[in-house]
Amino acid sequence: MKLIIPITLVIAFIIWFVVGPFFWFPSVAVATARYSTALIVASLNNTNISSEVESSLERATTMYINGFEQIKKLRNYSNDKVDNEQPDNRPVLRAFMEQLFVSTIFWVIILFSIFMIFYL
């Protein structure tokens, strides 16, 4: 039984290693575009960039590494810590679905562009 947890963590690390970039690249691209737009607007208006845009870029750039850290935190997880209340997972599910949608659109555009460059 003690061997199941390390094996599960290794499998989770491998899955995140492969699947993580699918979400990470588009997230960094969108955050960089938002930051660049905010930087241009701020320089034209002689104002500061909002902290929300800055934190969005920081979260996007560290998302891949944070995924591994979240998996490592599961090593210390125990069933004793579980509350009887059911958590509301709707915000997490919505964020995941938005990220999945943005990632899918990003990769469709990239792959279509590569196809058009090499085959037309």
PDB file of N, CA and C in Angstrom:
ATOM      1  N   MET A   1       0.817  -1.201   0.000  1.00  0.00           N
ATOM      2  CA  MET A   1       0.000   0.000   0.000  1.00  0.00           C
ATOM      3  C   MET A   1       0.854   1.255   0.000  1.00  0.00           C
ATOM      4  N   LYS A   2       1.978   1.205   0.701  1.00  0.00           N
ATOM      5  CA  LYS A   2       2.850   2.379   0.758  1.00  0.00           C
ATOM      6  C   LYS A   2       3.497   2.669  -0.596  1.00  0.00           C
ATOM      7  N   LEU A   3       3.574   1.676  -1.445  1.00  0.00           N
ATOM      8  CA  LEU A   3       4.185   1.854  -2.754  1.00  0.00           C
ATOM      9  C   LEU A   3       3.241   2.522  -3.745  1.00  0.00           C
ATOM     10  N   ILE A   4       1.942   2.488  -3.486  1.00  0.00           N
ATOM     11  CA  ILE A   4       0.961   3.048  -4.412  1.00  0.00           C
ATOM     12  C   ILE A   4       1.099   4.565  -4.515  1.00  0.00           C
ATOM     13  N   ILE A   5       1.317   5.238  -3.397  1.00  0.00           N
ATOM     14  CA  ILE A   5       1.408   6.705  -3.416  1.00  0.00           C
ATOM     15  C   ILE A   5       2.599   7.183  -4.232  1.00  0.00           C
ATOM     16  N   PRO A   6       3.824   6.653  -4.031  1.00  0.00           N
ATOM     17  CA  PRO A   6       4.934   7.115  -4.882  1.00  0.00           C
ATOM     18  C   PRO A   6       4.726   6.812  -6.364  1.00  0.00           C
ATOM     19  N   ILE A   7       4.151   5.658  -6.654  1.00  0.00           N
ATOM     20  CA  ILE A   7       3.907   5.317  -8.062  1.00  0.00           C
ATOM     21  C   ILE A   7       2.882   6.279  -8.665  1.00  0.00           C
ATOM     22  N   THR A   8       1.839   6.586  -7.908  1.00  0.00           N
ATOM     23  CA  THR A   8       0.824   7.528  -8.373  1.00  0.00           C
ATOM     24  C   THR A   8       1.424   8.909  -8.596  1.00  0.00           C
ATOM     25  N   LEU A   9       2.304   9.343  -7.691  1.00  0.00           N
ATOM     26  CA  LEU A   9       2.946  10.648  -7.855  1.00  0.00           C
ATOM     27  C   LEU A   9       3.843  10.674  -9.087  1.00  0.00           C
ATOM     28  N   VAL A  10       4.576   9.603  -9.331  1.00  0.00           N
ATOM     29  CA  VAL A  10       5.430   9.547 -10.531  1.00  0.00           C
ATOM     30  C   VAL A  10       4.578   9.610 -11.785  1.00  0.00           C
ATOM     31  N   ILE A  11       3.463   8.890 -11.790  1.00  0.00           N
ATOM     32  CA  ILE A  11       2.562   8.933 -12.945  1.00  0.00           C
ATOM     33  C   ILE A  11       1.996  10.341 -13.125  1.00  0.00           C
ATOM     34  N   ALA A  12       1.631  10.999 -12.013  1.00  0.00           N
ATOM     35  CA  ALA A  12       1.111  12.367 -12.090  1.00  0.00           C
ATOM     36  C   ALA A  12       2.177  13.324 -12.625  1.00  0.00           C
ATOM     37  N   PHE A  13       3.434  13.157 -12.173  1.00  0.00           N
ATOM     38  CA  PHE A  13       4.528  13.987 -12.691  1.00  0.00           C
ATOM     39  C   PHE A  13       4.696  13.793 -14.193  1.00  0.00           C
ATOM     40  N   ILE A  14       4.645  12.563 -14.649  1.00  0.00           N
ATOM     41  CA  ILE A  14       4.815  12.279 -16.082  1.00  0.00           C
ATOM     42  C   ILE A  14       3.664  12.880 -16.882  1.00  0.00           C
ATOM     43  N   ILE A  15       2.445  12.738 -16.381  1.00  0.00           N
ATOM     44  CA  ILE A  15       1.284  13.297 -17.086  1.00  0.00           C
ATOM     45  C   ILE A  15       1.400  14.813 -17.163  1.00  0.00           C
ATOM     46  N   TRP A  16       1.759  15.466 -16.049  1.00  0.00           N
ATOM     47  CA  TRP A  16       1.888  16.925 -16.061  1.00  0.00           C
ATOM     48  C   TRP A  16       3.049  17.346 -16.959  1.00  0.00           C
ATOM     49  N   PHE A  17       4.138  16.570 -16.982  1.00  0.00           N
ATOM     50  CA  PHE A  17       5.283  16.874 -17.841  1.00  0.00           C
ATOM     51  C   PHE A  17       4.861  16.907 -19.310  1.00  0.00           C
ATOM     52  N   VAL A  18       3.956  16.019 -19.689  1.00  0.00           N
ATOM     53  CA  VAL A  18       3.510  15.936 -21.085  1.00  0.00           C
ATOM     54  C   VAL A  18       2.356  16.907 -21.359  1.00  0.00           C
ATOM     55  N   VAL A  19       1.364  16.945 -20.481  1.00  0.00           N
ATOM     56  CA  VAL A  19       0.157  17.727 -20.719  1.00  0.00           C
ATOM     57  C   VAL A  19       0.337  19.195 -20.315  1.00  0.00           C
ATOM     58  N   GLY A  20       1.178  19.466 -19.341  1.00  0.00           N
ATOM     59  CA  GLY A  20       1.373  20.819 -18.835  1.00  0.00           C
ATOM     60  C   GLY A  20       1.699  21.857 -19.901  1.00  0.00           C
ATOM     61  N   PRO A  21       2.651  21.584 -20.800  1.00  0.00           N
ATOM     62  CA  PRO A  21       2.953  22.580 -21.835  1.00  0.00           C
ATOM     63  C   PRO A  21       1.769  22.897 -22.756  1.00  0.00           C
ATOM     64  N   PHE A  22       0.864  21.930 -22.939  1.00  0.00           N
ATOM     65  CA  PHE A  22      -0.333  22.184 -23.743  1.00  0.00           C
ATOM     66  C   PHE A  22      -1.119  23.359 -23.167  1.00  0.00           C
ATOM     67  N   PHE A  23      -1.145  23.486 -21.847  1.00  0.00           N
ATOM     68  CA  PHE A  23      -1.831  24.597 -21.189  1.00  0.00           C
ATOM     69  C   PHE A  23      -0.905  25.787 -20.951  1.00  0.00           C
ATOM     70  N   TRP A  24       0.371  25.516 -20.711  1.00  0.00           N
ATOM     71  CA  TRP A  24       1.297  26.569 -20.309  1.00  0.00           C
ATOM     72  C   TRP A  24       1.630  27.521 -21.453  1.00  0.00           C
ATOM     73  N   PHE A  25       1.974  27.016 -22.633  1.00  0.00           N
ATOM     74  CA  PHE A  25       2.341  27.889 -23.753  1.00  0.00           C
ATOM     75  C   PHE A  25       1.248  28.896 -24.094  1.00  0.00           C
ATOM     76  N   PRO A  26      -0.008  28.463 -24.257  1.00  0.00           N
ATOM     77  CA  PRO A  26      -1.057  29.452 -24.540  1.00  0.00           C
ATOM     78  C   PRO A  26      -1.256  30.434 -23.397  1.00  0.00           C
ATOM     79  N   SER A  27      -1.129  29.959 -22.176  1.00  0.00           N
ATOM     80  CA  SER A  27      -1.302  30.838 -21.030  1.00  0.00           C
ATOM     81  C   SER A  27      -0.241  31.938 -21.025  1.00  0.00           C
ATOM     82  N   VAL A  28       0.990  31.577 -21.309  1.00  0.00           N
ATOM     83  CA  VAL A  28       2.072  32.567 -21.374  1.00  0.00           C
ATOM     84  C   VAL A  28       1.854  33.512 -22.553  1.00  0.00           C
ATOM     85  N   ALA A  29       1.404  32.984 -23.678  1.00  0.00           N
ATOM     86  CA  ALA A  29       1.170  33.830 -24.856  1.00  0.00           C
ATOM     87  C   ALA A  29       0.070  34.858 -24.585  1.00  0.00           C
ATOM     88  N   VAL A  30      -1.027  34.421 -23.980  1.00  0.00           N
ATOM     89  CA  VAL A  30      -2.135  35.336 -23.684  1.00  0.00           C
ATOM     90  C   VAL A  30      -1.708  36.367 -22.643  1.00  0.00           C
ATOM     91  N   ALA A  31      -1.012  35.934 -21.600  1.00  0.00           N
ATOM     92  CA  ALA A  31      -0.564  36.866 -20.559  1.00  0.00           C
ATOM     93  C   ALA A  31       0.437  37.873 -21.109  1.00  0.00           C
ATOM     94  N   THR A  32       1.317  37.429 -21.999  1.00  0.00           N
ATOM     95  CA  THR A  32       2.290  38.337 -22.613  1.00  0.00           C
ATOM     96  C   THR A  32       1.589  39.349 -23.507  1.00  0.00           C
ATOM     97  N   ALA A  33       0.592  38.900 -24.256  1.00  0.00           N
ATOM     98  CA  ALA A  33      -0.166  39.829 -25.104  1.00  0.00           C
ATOM     99  C   ALA A  33      -0.913  40.854 -24.255  1.00  0.00           C
ATOM    100  N   ARG A  34      -1.533  40.392 -23.164  1.00  0.00           N
ATOM    101  CA  ARG A  34      -2.223  41.329 -22.254  1.00  0.00           C
ATOM    102  C   ARG A  34      -1.248  42.336 -21.655  1.00  0.00           C
ATOM    103  N   TYR A  35      -0.086  41.843 -21.232  1.00  0.00           N
ATOM    104  CA  TYR A  35       0.904  42.720 -20.611  1.00  0.00           C
ATOM    105  C   TYR A  35       1.438  43.731 -21.629  1.00  0.00           C
ATOM    106  N   SER A  36       1.709  43.256 -22.835  1.00  0.00           N
ATOM    107  CA  SER A  36       2.220  44.160 -23.877  1.00  0.00           C
ATOM    108  C   SER A  36       1.200  45.236 -24.212  1.00  0.00           C
ATOM    109  N   THR A  37      -0.065  44.844 -24.320  1.00  0.00           N
ATOM    110  CA  THR A  37      -1.121  45.815 -24.590  1.00  0.00           C
ATOM    111  C   THR A  37      -1.235  46.819 -23.450  1.00  0.00           C
ATOM    112  N   ALA A  38      -1.204  46.327 -22.226  1.00  0.00           N
ATOM    113  CA  ALA A  38      -1.283  47.216 -21.065  1.00  0.00           C
ATOM    114  C   ALA A  38      -0.077  48.146 -20.999  1.00  0.00           C
ATOM    115  N   LEU A  39       1.082  47.647 -21.383  1.00  0.00           N
ATOM    116  CA  LEU A  39       2.292  48.473 -21.390  1.00  0.00           C
ATOM    117  C   LEU A  39       2.186  49.592 -22.421  1.00  0.00           C
ATOM    118  N   ILE A  40       1.684  49.274 -23.596  1.00  0.00           N
ATOM    119  CA  ILE A  40       1.520  50.297 -24.642  1.00  0.00           C
ATOM    120  C   ILE A  40       0.498  51.346 -24.208  1.00  0.00           C
ATOM    121  N   VAL A  41      -0.639  50.880 -23.677  1.00  0.00           N
ATOM    122  CA  VAL A  41      -1.677  51.810 -23.219  1.00  0.00           C
ATOM    123  C   VAL A  41      -1.154  52.678 -22.078  1.00  0.00           C
ATOM    124  N   ALA A  42      -0.433  52.080 -21.152  1.00  0.00           N
ATOM    125  CA  ALA A  42       0.101  52.835 -20.009  1.00  0.00           C
ATOM    126  C   ALA A  42       1.138  53.863 -20.461  1.00  0.00           C
ATOM    127  N   SER A  43       1.945  53.503 -21.435  1.00  0.00           N
ATOM    128  CA  SER A  43       2.947  54.461 -21.898  1.00  0.00           C
ATOM    129  C   SER A  43       2.305  55.601 -22.694  1.00  0.00           C
ATOM    130  N   LEU A  44       1.240  55.310 -23.439  1.00  0.00           N
ATOM    131  CA  LEU A  44       0.559  56.374 -24.180  1.00  0.00           C
ATOM    132  C   LEU A  44      -0.217  57.307 -23.251  1.00  0.00           C
ATOM    133  N   ASN A  45      -0.794  56.739 -22.188  1.00  0.00           N
ATOM    134  CA  ASN A  45      -1.573  57.535 -21.246  1.00  0.00           C
ATOM    135  C   ASN A  45      -0.747  58.058 -20.078  1.00  0.00           C
ATOM    136  N   ASN A  46       0.531  57.685 -20.042  1.00  0.00           N
ATOM    137  CA  ASN A  46       1.436  58.092 -18.966  1.00  0.00           C
ATOM    138  C   ASN A  46       0.890  57.656 -17.599  1.00  0.00           C
ATOM    139  N   THR A  47       0.462  56.383 -17.520  1.00  0.00           N
ATOM    140  CA  THR A  47      -0.040  55.808 -16.273  1.00  0.00           C
ATOM    141  C   THR A  47       0.742  54.537 -15.968  1.00  0.00           C
ATOM    142  N   ASN A  48       0.396  53.896 -14.869  1.00  0.00           N
ATOM    143  CA  ASN A  48       1.051  52.647 -14.485  1.00  0.00           C
ATOM    144  C   ASN A  48       0.235  51.448 -14.970  1.00  0.00           C
ATOM    145  N   ILE A  49       0.931  50.335 -15.122  1.00  0.00           N
ATOM    146  CA  ILE A  49       0.265  49.088 -15.489  1.00  0.00           C
ATOM    147  C   ILE A  49      -0.451  48.559 -14.256  1.00  0.00           C
ATOM    148  N   SER A  50      -1.650  48.025 -14.434  1.00  0.00           N
ATOM    149  CA  SER A  50      -2.402  47.526 -13.289  1.00  0.00           C
ATOM    150  C   SER A  50      -1.698  46.301 -12.696  1.00  0.00           C
ATOM    151  N   SER A  51      -1.837  46.176 -11.395  1.00  0.00           N
ATOM    152  CA  SER A  51      -1.200  45.047 -10.711  1.00  0.00           C
ATOM    153  C   SER A  51      -1.844  43.721 -11.117  1.00  0.00           C
ATOM    154  N   GLU A  52      -3.109  43.764 -11.548  1.00  0.00           N
ATOM    155  CA  GLU A  52      -3.782  42.548 -12.000  1.00  0.00           C
ATOM    156  C   GLU A  52      -3.095  41.980 -13.245  1.00  0.00           C
ATOM    157  N   VAL A  53      -2.709  42.852 -14.166  1.00  0.00           N
ATOM    158  CA  VAL A  53      -2.041  42.395 -15.386  1.00  0.00           C
ATOM    159  C   VAL A  53      -0.655  41.847 -15.044  1.00  0.00           C
ATOM    160  N   GLU A  54       0.045  42.515 -14.143  1.00  0.00           N
ATOM    161  CA  GLU A  54       1.369  42.043 -13.741  1.00  0.00           C
ATOM    162  C   GLU A  54       1.282  40.683 -13.050  1.00  0.00           C
ATOM    163  N   SER A  55       0.315  40.526 -12.146  1.00  0.00           N
ATOM    164  CA  SER A  55       0.179  39.247 -11.442  1.00  0.00           C
ATOM    165  C   SER A  55      -0.279  38.147 -12.401  1.00  0.00           C
ATOM    166  N   SER A  56      -1.067  38.509 -13.402  1.00  0.00           N
ATOM    167  CA  SER A  56      -1.496  37.536 -14.402  1.00  0.00           C
ATOM    168  C   SER A  56      -0.302  36.998 -15.182  1.00  0.00           C
ATOM    169  N   LEU A  57       0.614  37.886 -15.540  1.00  0.00           N
ATOM    170  CA  LEU A  57       1.820  37.452 -16.254  1.00  0.00           C
ATOM    171  C   LEU A  57       2.687  36.576 -15.352  1.00  0.00           C
ATOM    172  N   GLU A  58       2.817  36.957 -14.104  1.00  0.00           N
ATOM    173  CA  GLU A  58       3.621  36.159 -13.171  1.00  0.00           C
ATOM    174  C   GLU A  58       3.023  34.779 -12.961  1.00  0.00           C
ATOM    175  N   ARG A  59       1.703  34.705 -12.786  1.00  0.00           N
ATOM    176  CA  ARG A  59       1.035  33.404 -12.616  1.00  0.00           C
ATOM    177  C   ARG A  59       1.209  32.537 -13.859  1.00  0.00           C
ATOM    178  N   ALA A  60       1.110  33.153 -15.024  1.00  0.00           N
ATOM    179  CA  ALA A  60       1.227  32.377 -16.263  1.00  0.00           C
ATOM    180  C   ALA A  60       2.637  31.825 -16.442  1.00  0.00           C
ATOM    181  N   THR A  61       3.637  32.624 -16.113  1.00  0.00           N
ATOM    182  CA  THR A  61       5.007  32.160 -16.313  1.00  0.00           C
ATOM    183  C   THR A  61       5.411  31.084 -15.316  1.00  0.00           C
ATOM    184  N   THR A  62       4.793  31.074 -14.153  1.00  0.00           N
ATOM    185  CA  THR A  62       5.151  30.069 -13.146  1.00  0.00           C
ATOM    186  C   THR A  62       4.167  28.902 -13.098  1.00  0.00           C
ATOM    187  N   MET A  63       3.192  28.879 -13.977  1.00  0.00           N
ATOM    188  CA  MET A  63       2.141  27.865 -13.935  1.00  0.00           C
ATOM    189  C   MET A  63       2.689  26.444 -14.075  1.00  0.00           C
ATOM    190  N   TYR A  64       3.624  26.239 -14.989  1.00  0.00           N
ATOM    191  CA  TYR A  64       4.135  24.889 -15.249  1.00  0.00           C
ATOM    192  C   TYR A  64       4.868  24.354 -14.022  1.00  0.00           C
ATOM    193  N   ILE A  65       5.751  25.155 -13.451  1.00  0.00           N
ATOM    194  CA  ILE A  65       6.498  24.739 -12.263  1.00  0.00           C
ATOM    195  C   ILE A  65       5.557  24.552 -11.076  1.00  0.00           C
ATOM    196  N   ASN A  66       4.566  25.441 -10.941  1.00  0.00           N
ATOM    197  CA  ASN A  66       3.606  25.305  -9.841  1.00  0.00           C
ATOM    198  C   ASN A  66       2.809  24.014  -9.935  1.00  0.00           C
ATOM    199  N   GLY A  67       2.598  23.517 -11.142  1.00  0.00           N
ATOM    200  CA  GLY A  67       1.910  22.234 -11.301  1.00  0.00           C
ATOM    201  C   GLY A  67       2.682  21.112 -10.635  1.00  0.00           C
ATOM    202  N   PHE A  68       4.004  21.104 -10.805  1.00  0.00           N
ATOM    203  CA  PHE A  68       4.832  20.090 -10.150  1.00  0.00           C
ATOM    204  C   PHE A  68       4.809  20.273  -8.632  1.00  0.00           C
ATOM    205  N   GLU A  69       4.821  21.523  -8.177  1.00  0.00           N
ATOM    206  CA  GLU A  69       4.774  21.769  -6.730  1.00  0.00           C
ATOM    207  C   GLU A  69       3.449  21.304  -6.129  1.00  0.00           C
ATOM    208  N   GLN A  70       2.353  21.499  -6.860  1.00  0.00           N
ATOM    209  CA  GLN A  70       1.052  21.031  -6.372  1.00  0.00           C
ATOM    210  C   GLN A  70       1.027  19.506  -6.286  1.00  0.00           C
ATOM    211  N   ILE A  71       1.653  18.840  -7.236  1.00  0.00           N
ATOM    212  CA  ILE A  71       1.715  17.380  -7.189  1.00  0.00           C
ATOM    213  C   ILE A  71       2.549  16.935  -5.991  1.00  0.00           C
ATOM    214  N   LYS A  72       3.664  17.635  -5.723  1.00  0.00           N
ATOM    215  CA  LYS A  72       4.485  17.287  -4.557  1.00  0.00           C
ATOM    216  C   LYS A  72       3.714  17.470  -3.258  1.00  0.00           C
ATOM    217  N   LYS A  73       2.823  18.470  -3.197  1.00  0.00           N
ATOM    218  CA  LYS A  73       2.019  18.690  -1.988  1.00  0.00           C
ATOM    219  C   LYS A  73       1.076  17.518  -1.725  1.00  0.00           C
ATOM    220  N   LEU A  74       0.676  16.819  -2.771  1.00  0.00           N
ATOM    221  CA  LEU A  74      -0.223  15.681  -2.599  1.00  0.00           C
ATOM    222  C   LEU A  74       0.430  14.541  -1.823  1.00  0.00           C
ATOM    223  N   ARG A  75       1.756  14.542  -1.793  1.00  0.00           N
ATOM    224  CA  ARG A  75       2.479  13.505  -1.058  1.00  0.00           C
ATOM    225  C   ARG A  75       2.110  13.546   0.425  1.00  0.00           C
ATOM    226  N   ASN A  76       1.838  14.738   0.942  1.00  0.00           N
ATOM    227  CA  ASN A  76       1.512  14.903   2.355  1.00  0.00           C
ATOM    228  C   ASN A  76       0.010  14.848   2.622  1.00  0.00           C
ATOM    229  N   TYR A  77      -0.781  14.569   1.605  1.00  0.00           N
ATOM    230  CA  TYR A  77      -2.235  14.537   1.743  1.00  0.00           C
ATOM    231  C   TYR A  77      -2.657  13.329   2.576  1.00  0.00           C
ATOM    232  N   SER A  78      -3.661  13.549   3.402  1.00  0.00           N
ATOM    233  CA  SER A  78      -4.166  12.472   4.246  1.00  0.00           C
ATOM    234  C   SER A  78      -5.685  12.520   4.242  1.00  0.00           C
ATOM    235  N   ASN A  79      -6.322  11.370   4.319  1.00  0.00           N
ATOM    236  CA  ASN A  79      -7.786  11.324   4.376  1.00  0.00           C
ATOM    237  C   ASN A  79      -8.325  11.898   5.674  1.00  0.00           C
ATOM    238  N   ASP A  80      -7.478  12.021   6.685  1.00  0.00           N
ATOM    239  CA  ASP A  80      -7.912  12.582   7.959  1.00  0.00           C
ATOM    240  C   ASP A  80      -8.262  14.058   7.833  1.00  0.00           C
ATOM    241  N   LYS A  81      -7.680  14.726   6.839  1.00  0.00           N
ATOM    242  CA  LYS A  81      -7.882  16.162   6.674  1.00  0.00           C
ATOM    243  C   LYS A  81      -9.155  16.503   5.907  1.00  0.00           C
ATOM    244  N   VAL A  82      -9.842  15.515   5.399  1.00  0.00           N
ATOM    245  CA  VAL A  82     -11.012  15.747   4.557  1.00  0.00           C
ATOM    246  C   VAL A  82     -12.191  16.177   5.424  1.00  0.00           C
ATOM    247  N   ASP A  83     -12.842  17.270   5.027  1.00  0.00           N
ATOM    248  CA  ASP A  83     -14.044  17.723   5.710  1.00  0.00           C
ATOM    249  C   ASP A  83     -15.245  16.975   5.148  1.00  0.00           C
ATOM    250  N   ASN A  84     -16.291  16.946   5.908  1.00  0.00           N
ATOM    251  CA  ASN A  84     -17.518  16.305   5.442  1.00  0.00           C
ATOM    252  C   ASN A  84     -18.281  17.176   4.458  1.00  0.00           C
ATOM    253  N   GLU A  85     -17.958  18.468   4.420  1.00  0.00           N
ATOM    254  CA  GLU A  85     -18.634  19.370   3.495  1.00  0.00           C
ATOM    255  C   GLU A  85     -18.095  19.179   2.090  1.00  0.00           C
ATOM    256  N   GLN A  86     -18.991  19.276   1.135  1.00  0.00           N
ATOM    257  CA  GLN A  86     -18.583  19.192  -0.256  1.00  0.00           C
ATOM    258  C   GLN A  86     -18.145  20.569  -0.737  1.00  0.00           C
ATOM    259  N   PRO A  87     -16.922  20.694  -1.257  1.00  0.00           N
ATOM    260  CA  PRO A  87     -16.484  22.004  -1.729  1.00  0.00           C
ATOM    261  C   PRO A  87     -17.195  22.386  -3.023  1.00  0.00           C
ATOM    262  N   ASP A  88     -17.297  23.675  -3.242  1.00  0.00           N
ATOM    263  CA  ASP A  88     -17.900  24.171  -4.477  1.00  0.00           C
ATOM    264  C   ASP A  88     -16.815  24.251  -5.540  1.00  0.00           C
ATOM    265  N   ASN A  89     -16.839  23.320  -6.474  1.00  0.00           N
ATOM    266  CA  ASN A  89     -15.798  23.246  -7.489  1.00  0.00           C
ATOM    267  C   ASN A  89     -16.152  24.000  -8.765  1.00  0.00           C
ATOM    268  N   ARG A  90     -17.249  24.727  -8.777  1.00  0.00           N
ATOM    269  CA  ARG A  90     -17.655  25.427  -9.997  1.00  0.00           C
ATOM    270  C   ARG A  90     -16.625  26.454 -10.465  1.00  0.00           C
ATOM    271  N   PRO A  91     -16.039  27.274  -9.586  1.00  0.00           N
ATOM    272  CA  PRO A  91     -15.035  28.224 -10.083  1.00  0.00           C
ATOM    273  C   PRO A  91     -13.805  27.525 -10.669  1.00  0.00           C
ATOM    274  N   VAL A  92     -13.396  26.426 -10.053  1.00  0.00           N
ATOM    275  CA  VAL A  92     -12.243  25.685 -10.559  1.00  0.00           C
ATOM    276  C   VAL A  92     -12.579  25.054 -11.897  1.00  0.00           C
ATOM    277  N   LEU A  93     -13.769  24.480 -12.000  1.00  0.00           N
ATOM    278  CA  LEU A  93     -14.191  23.860 -13.254  1.00  0.00           C
ATOM    279  C   LEU A  93     -14.306  24.902 -14.361  1.00  0.00           C
ATOM    280  N   ARG A  94     -14.839  26.064 -14.026  1.00  0.00           N
ATOM    281  CA  ARG A  94     -14.963  27.125 -15.027  1.00  0.00           C
ATOM    282  C   ARG A  94     -13.588  27.594 -15.493  1.00  0.00           C
ATOM    283  N   ALA A  95     -12.658  27.787 -14.567  1.00  0.00           N
ATOM    284  CA  ALA A  95     -11.297  28.207 -14.934  1.00  0.00           C
ATOM    285  C   ALA A  95     -10.624  27.150 -15.805  1.00  0.00           C
ATOM    286  N   PHE A  96     -10.836  25.876 -15.458  1.00  0.00           N
ATOM    287  CA  PHE A  96     -10.260  24.804 -16.258  1.00  0.00           C
ATOM    288  C   PHE A  96     -10.846  24.790 -17.666  1.00  0.00           C
ATOM    289  N   MET A  97     -12.162  24.952 -17.775  1.00  0.00           N
ATOM    290  CA  MET A  97     -12.805  24.944 -19.087  1.00  0.00           C
ATOM    291  C   MET A  97     -12.360  26.137 -19.930  1.00  0.00           C
ATOM    292  N   GLU A  98     -12.208  27.309 -19.292  1.00  0.00           N
ATOM    293  CA  GLU A  98     -11.709  28.477 -20.027  1.00  0.00           C
ATOM    294  C   GLU A  98     -10.296  28.231 -20.532  1.00  0.00           C
ATOM    295  N   GLN A  99      -9.452  27.665 -19.668  1.00  0.00           N
ATOM    296  CA  GLN A  99      -8.075  27.384 -20.067  1.00  0.00           C
ATOM    297  C   GLN A  99      -8.034  26.346 -21.177  1.00  0.00           C
ATOM    298  N   LEU A 100      -8.883  25.351 -21.083  1.00  0.00           N
ATOM    299  CA  LEU A 100      -8.950  24.329 -22.127  1.00  0.00           C
ATOM    300  C   LEU A 100      -9.397  24.940 -23.451  1.00  0.00           C
ATOM    301  N   PHE A 101     -10.371  25.821 -23.407  1.00  0.00           N
ATOM    302  CA  PHE A 101     -10.850  26.486 -24.623  1.00  0.00           C
ATOM    303  C   PHE A 101      -9.751  27.350 -25.243  1.00  0.00           C
ATOM    304  N   VAL A 102      -9.096  28.171 -24.431  1.00  0.00           N
ATOM    305  CA  VAL A 102      -8.029  29.049 -24.940  1.00  0.00           C
ATOM    306  C   VAL A 102      -6.884  28.215 -25.500  1.00  0.00           C
ATOM    307  N   SER A 103      -6.516  27.154 -24.800  1.00  0.00           N
ATOM    308  CA  SER A 103      -5.424  26.292 -25.268  1.00  0.00           C
ATOM    309  C   SER A 103      -5.767  25.621 -26.586  1.00  0.00           C
ATOM    310  N   THR A 104      -6.997  25.151 -26.703  1.00  0.00           N
ATOM    311  CA  THR A 104      -7.405  24.494 -27.944  1.00  0.00           C
ATOM    312  C   THR A 104      -7.379  25.471 -29.114  1.00  0.00           C
ATOM    313  N   ILE A 105      -7.923  26.661 -28.918  1.00  0.00           N
ATOM    314  CA  ILE A 105      -7.908  27.673 -29.987  1.00  0.00           C
ATOM    315  C   ILE A 105      -6.476  28.038 -30.360  1.00  0.00           C
ATOM    316  N   PHE A 106      -5.622  28.228 -29.355  1.00  0.00           N
ATOM    317  CA  PHE A 106      -4.216  28.564 -29.598  1.00  0.00           C
ATOM    318  C   PHE A 106      -3.539  27.502 -30.461  1.00  0.00           C
ATOM    319  N   TRP A 107      -3.686  26.226 -30.069  1.00  0.00           N
ATOM    320  CA  TRP A 107      -3.012  25.169 -30.807  1.00  0.00           C
ATOM    321  C   TRP A 107      -3.616  24.944 -32.187  1.00  0.00           C
ATOM    322  N   VAL A 108      -4.896  25.156 -32.349  1.00  0.00           N
ATOM    323  CA  VAL A 108      -5.504  25.050 -33.677  1.00  0.00           C
ATOM    324  C   VAL A 108      -4.925  26.123 -34.596  1.00  0.00           C
ATOM    325  N   ILE A 109      -4.801  27.341 -34.088  1.00  0.00           N
ATOM    326  CA  ILE A 109      -4.227  28.430 -34.894  1.00  0.00           C
ATOM    327  C   ILE A 109      -2.774  28.131 -35.243  1.00  0.00           C
ATOM    328  N   ILE A 110      -1.990  27.682 -34.266  1.00  0.00           N
ATOM    329  CA  ILE A 110      -0.575  27.370 -34.509  1.00  0.00           C
ATOM    330  C   ILE A 110      -0.435  26.247 -35.534  1.00  0.00           C
ATOM    331  N   LEU A 111      -1.159  25.163 -35.339  1.00  0.00           N
ATOM    332  CA  LEU A 111      -1.041  24.036 -36.261  1.00  0.00           C
ATOM    333  C   LEU A 111      -1.558  24.381 -37.652  1.00  0.00           C
ATOM    334  N   PHE A 112      -2.615  25.165 -37.736  1.00  0.00           N
ATOM    335  CA  PHE A 112      -3.121  25.593 -39.030  1.00  0.00           C
ATOM    336  C   PHE A 112      -2.090  26.486 -39.729  1.00  0.00           C
ATOM    337  N   SER A 113      -1.453  27.369 -38.976  1.00  0.00           N
ATOM    338  CA  SER A 113      -0.424  28.241 -39.559  1.00  0.00           C
ATOM    339  C   SER A 113       0.755  27.435 -40.073  1.00  0.00           C
ATOM    340  N   ILE A 114       1.188  26.462 -39.298  1.00  0.00           N
ATOM    341  CA  ILE A 114       2.303  25.611 -39.740  1.00  0.00           C
ATOM    342  C   ILE A 114       1.906  24.839 -40.990  1.00  0.00           C
ATOM    343  N   PHE A 115       0.700  24.310 -40.999  1.00  0.00           N
ATOM    344  CA  PHE A 115       0.218  23.586 -42.170  1.00  0.00           C
ATOM    345  C   PHE A 115       0.210  24.497 -43.395  1.00  0.00           C
ATOM    346  N   MET A 116      -0.277  25.725 -43.250  1.00  0.00           N
ATOM    347  CA  MET A 116      -0.360  26.657 -44.384  1.00  0.00           C
ATOM    348  C   MET A 116       1.039  27.039 -44.886  1.00  0.00           C
ATOM    349  N   ILE A 117       1.976  27.182 -43.986  1.00  0.00           N
ATOM    350  CA  ILE A 117       3.335  27.571 -44.389  1.00  0.00           C
ATOM    351  C   ILE A 117       4.013  26.442 -45.171  1.00  0.00           C
ATOM    352  N   PHE A 118       3.891  25.224 -44.700  1.00  0.00           N
ATOM    353  CA  PHE A 118       4.629  24.124 -45.306  1.00  0.00           C
ATOM    354  C   PHE A 118       3.919  23.461 -46.485  1.00  0.00           C
ATOM    355  N   TYR A 119       2.622  23.564 -46.573  1.00  0.00           N
ATOM    356  CA  TYR A 119       1.915  22.816 -47.600  1.00  0.00           C
ATOM    357  C   TYR A 119       1.225  23.692 -48.640  1.00  0.00           C
ATOM    358  N   LEU A 120       1.361  24.988 -48.554  1.00  0.00           N
ATOM    359  CA  LEU A 120       0.777  25.835 -49.594  1.00  0.00           C
ATOM    360  C   LEU A 120       1.797  26.679 -50.270  1.00  0.00           C
TER     361      LEU A 120
END
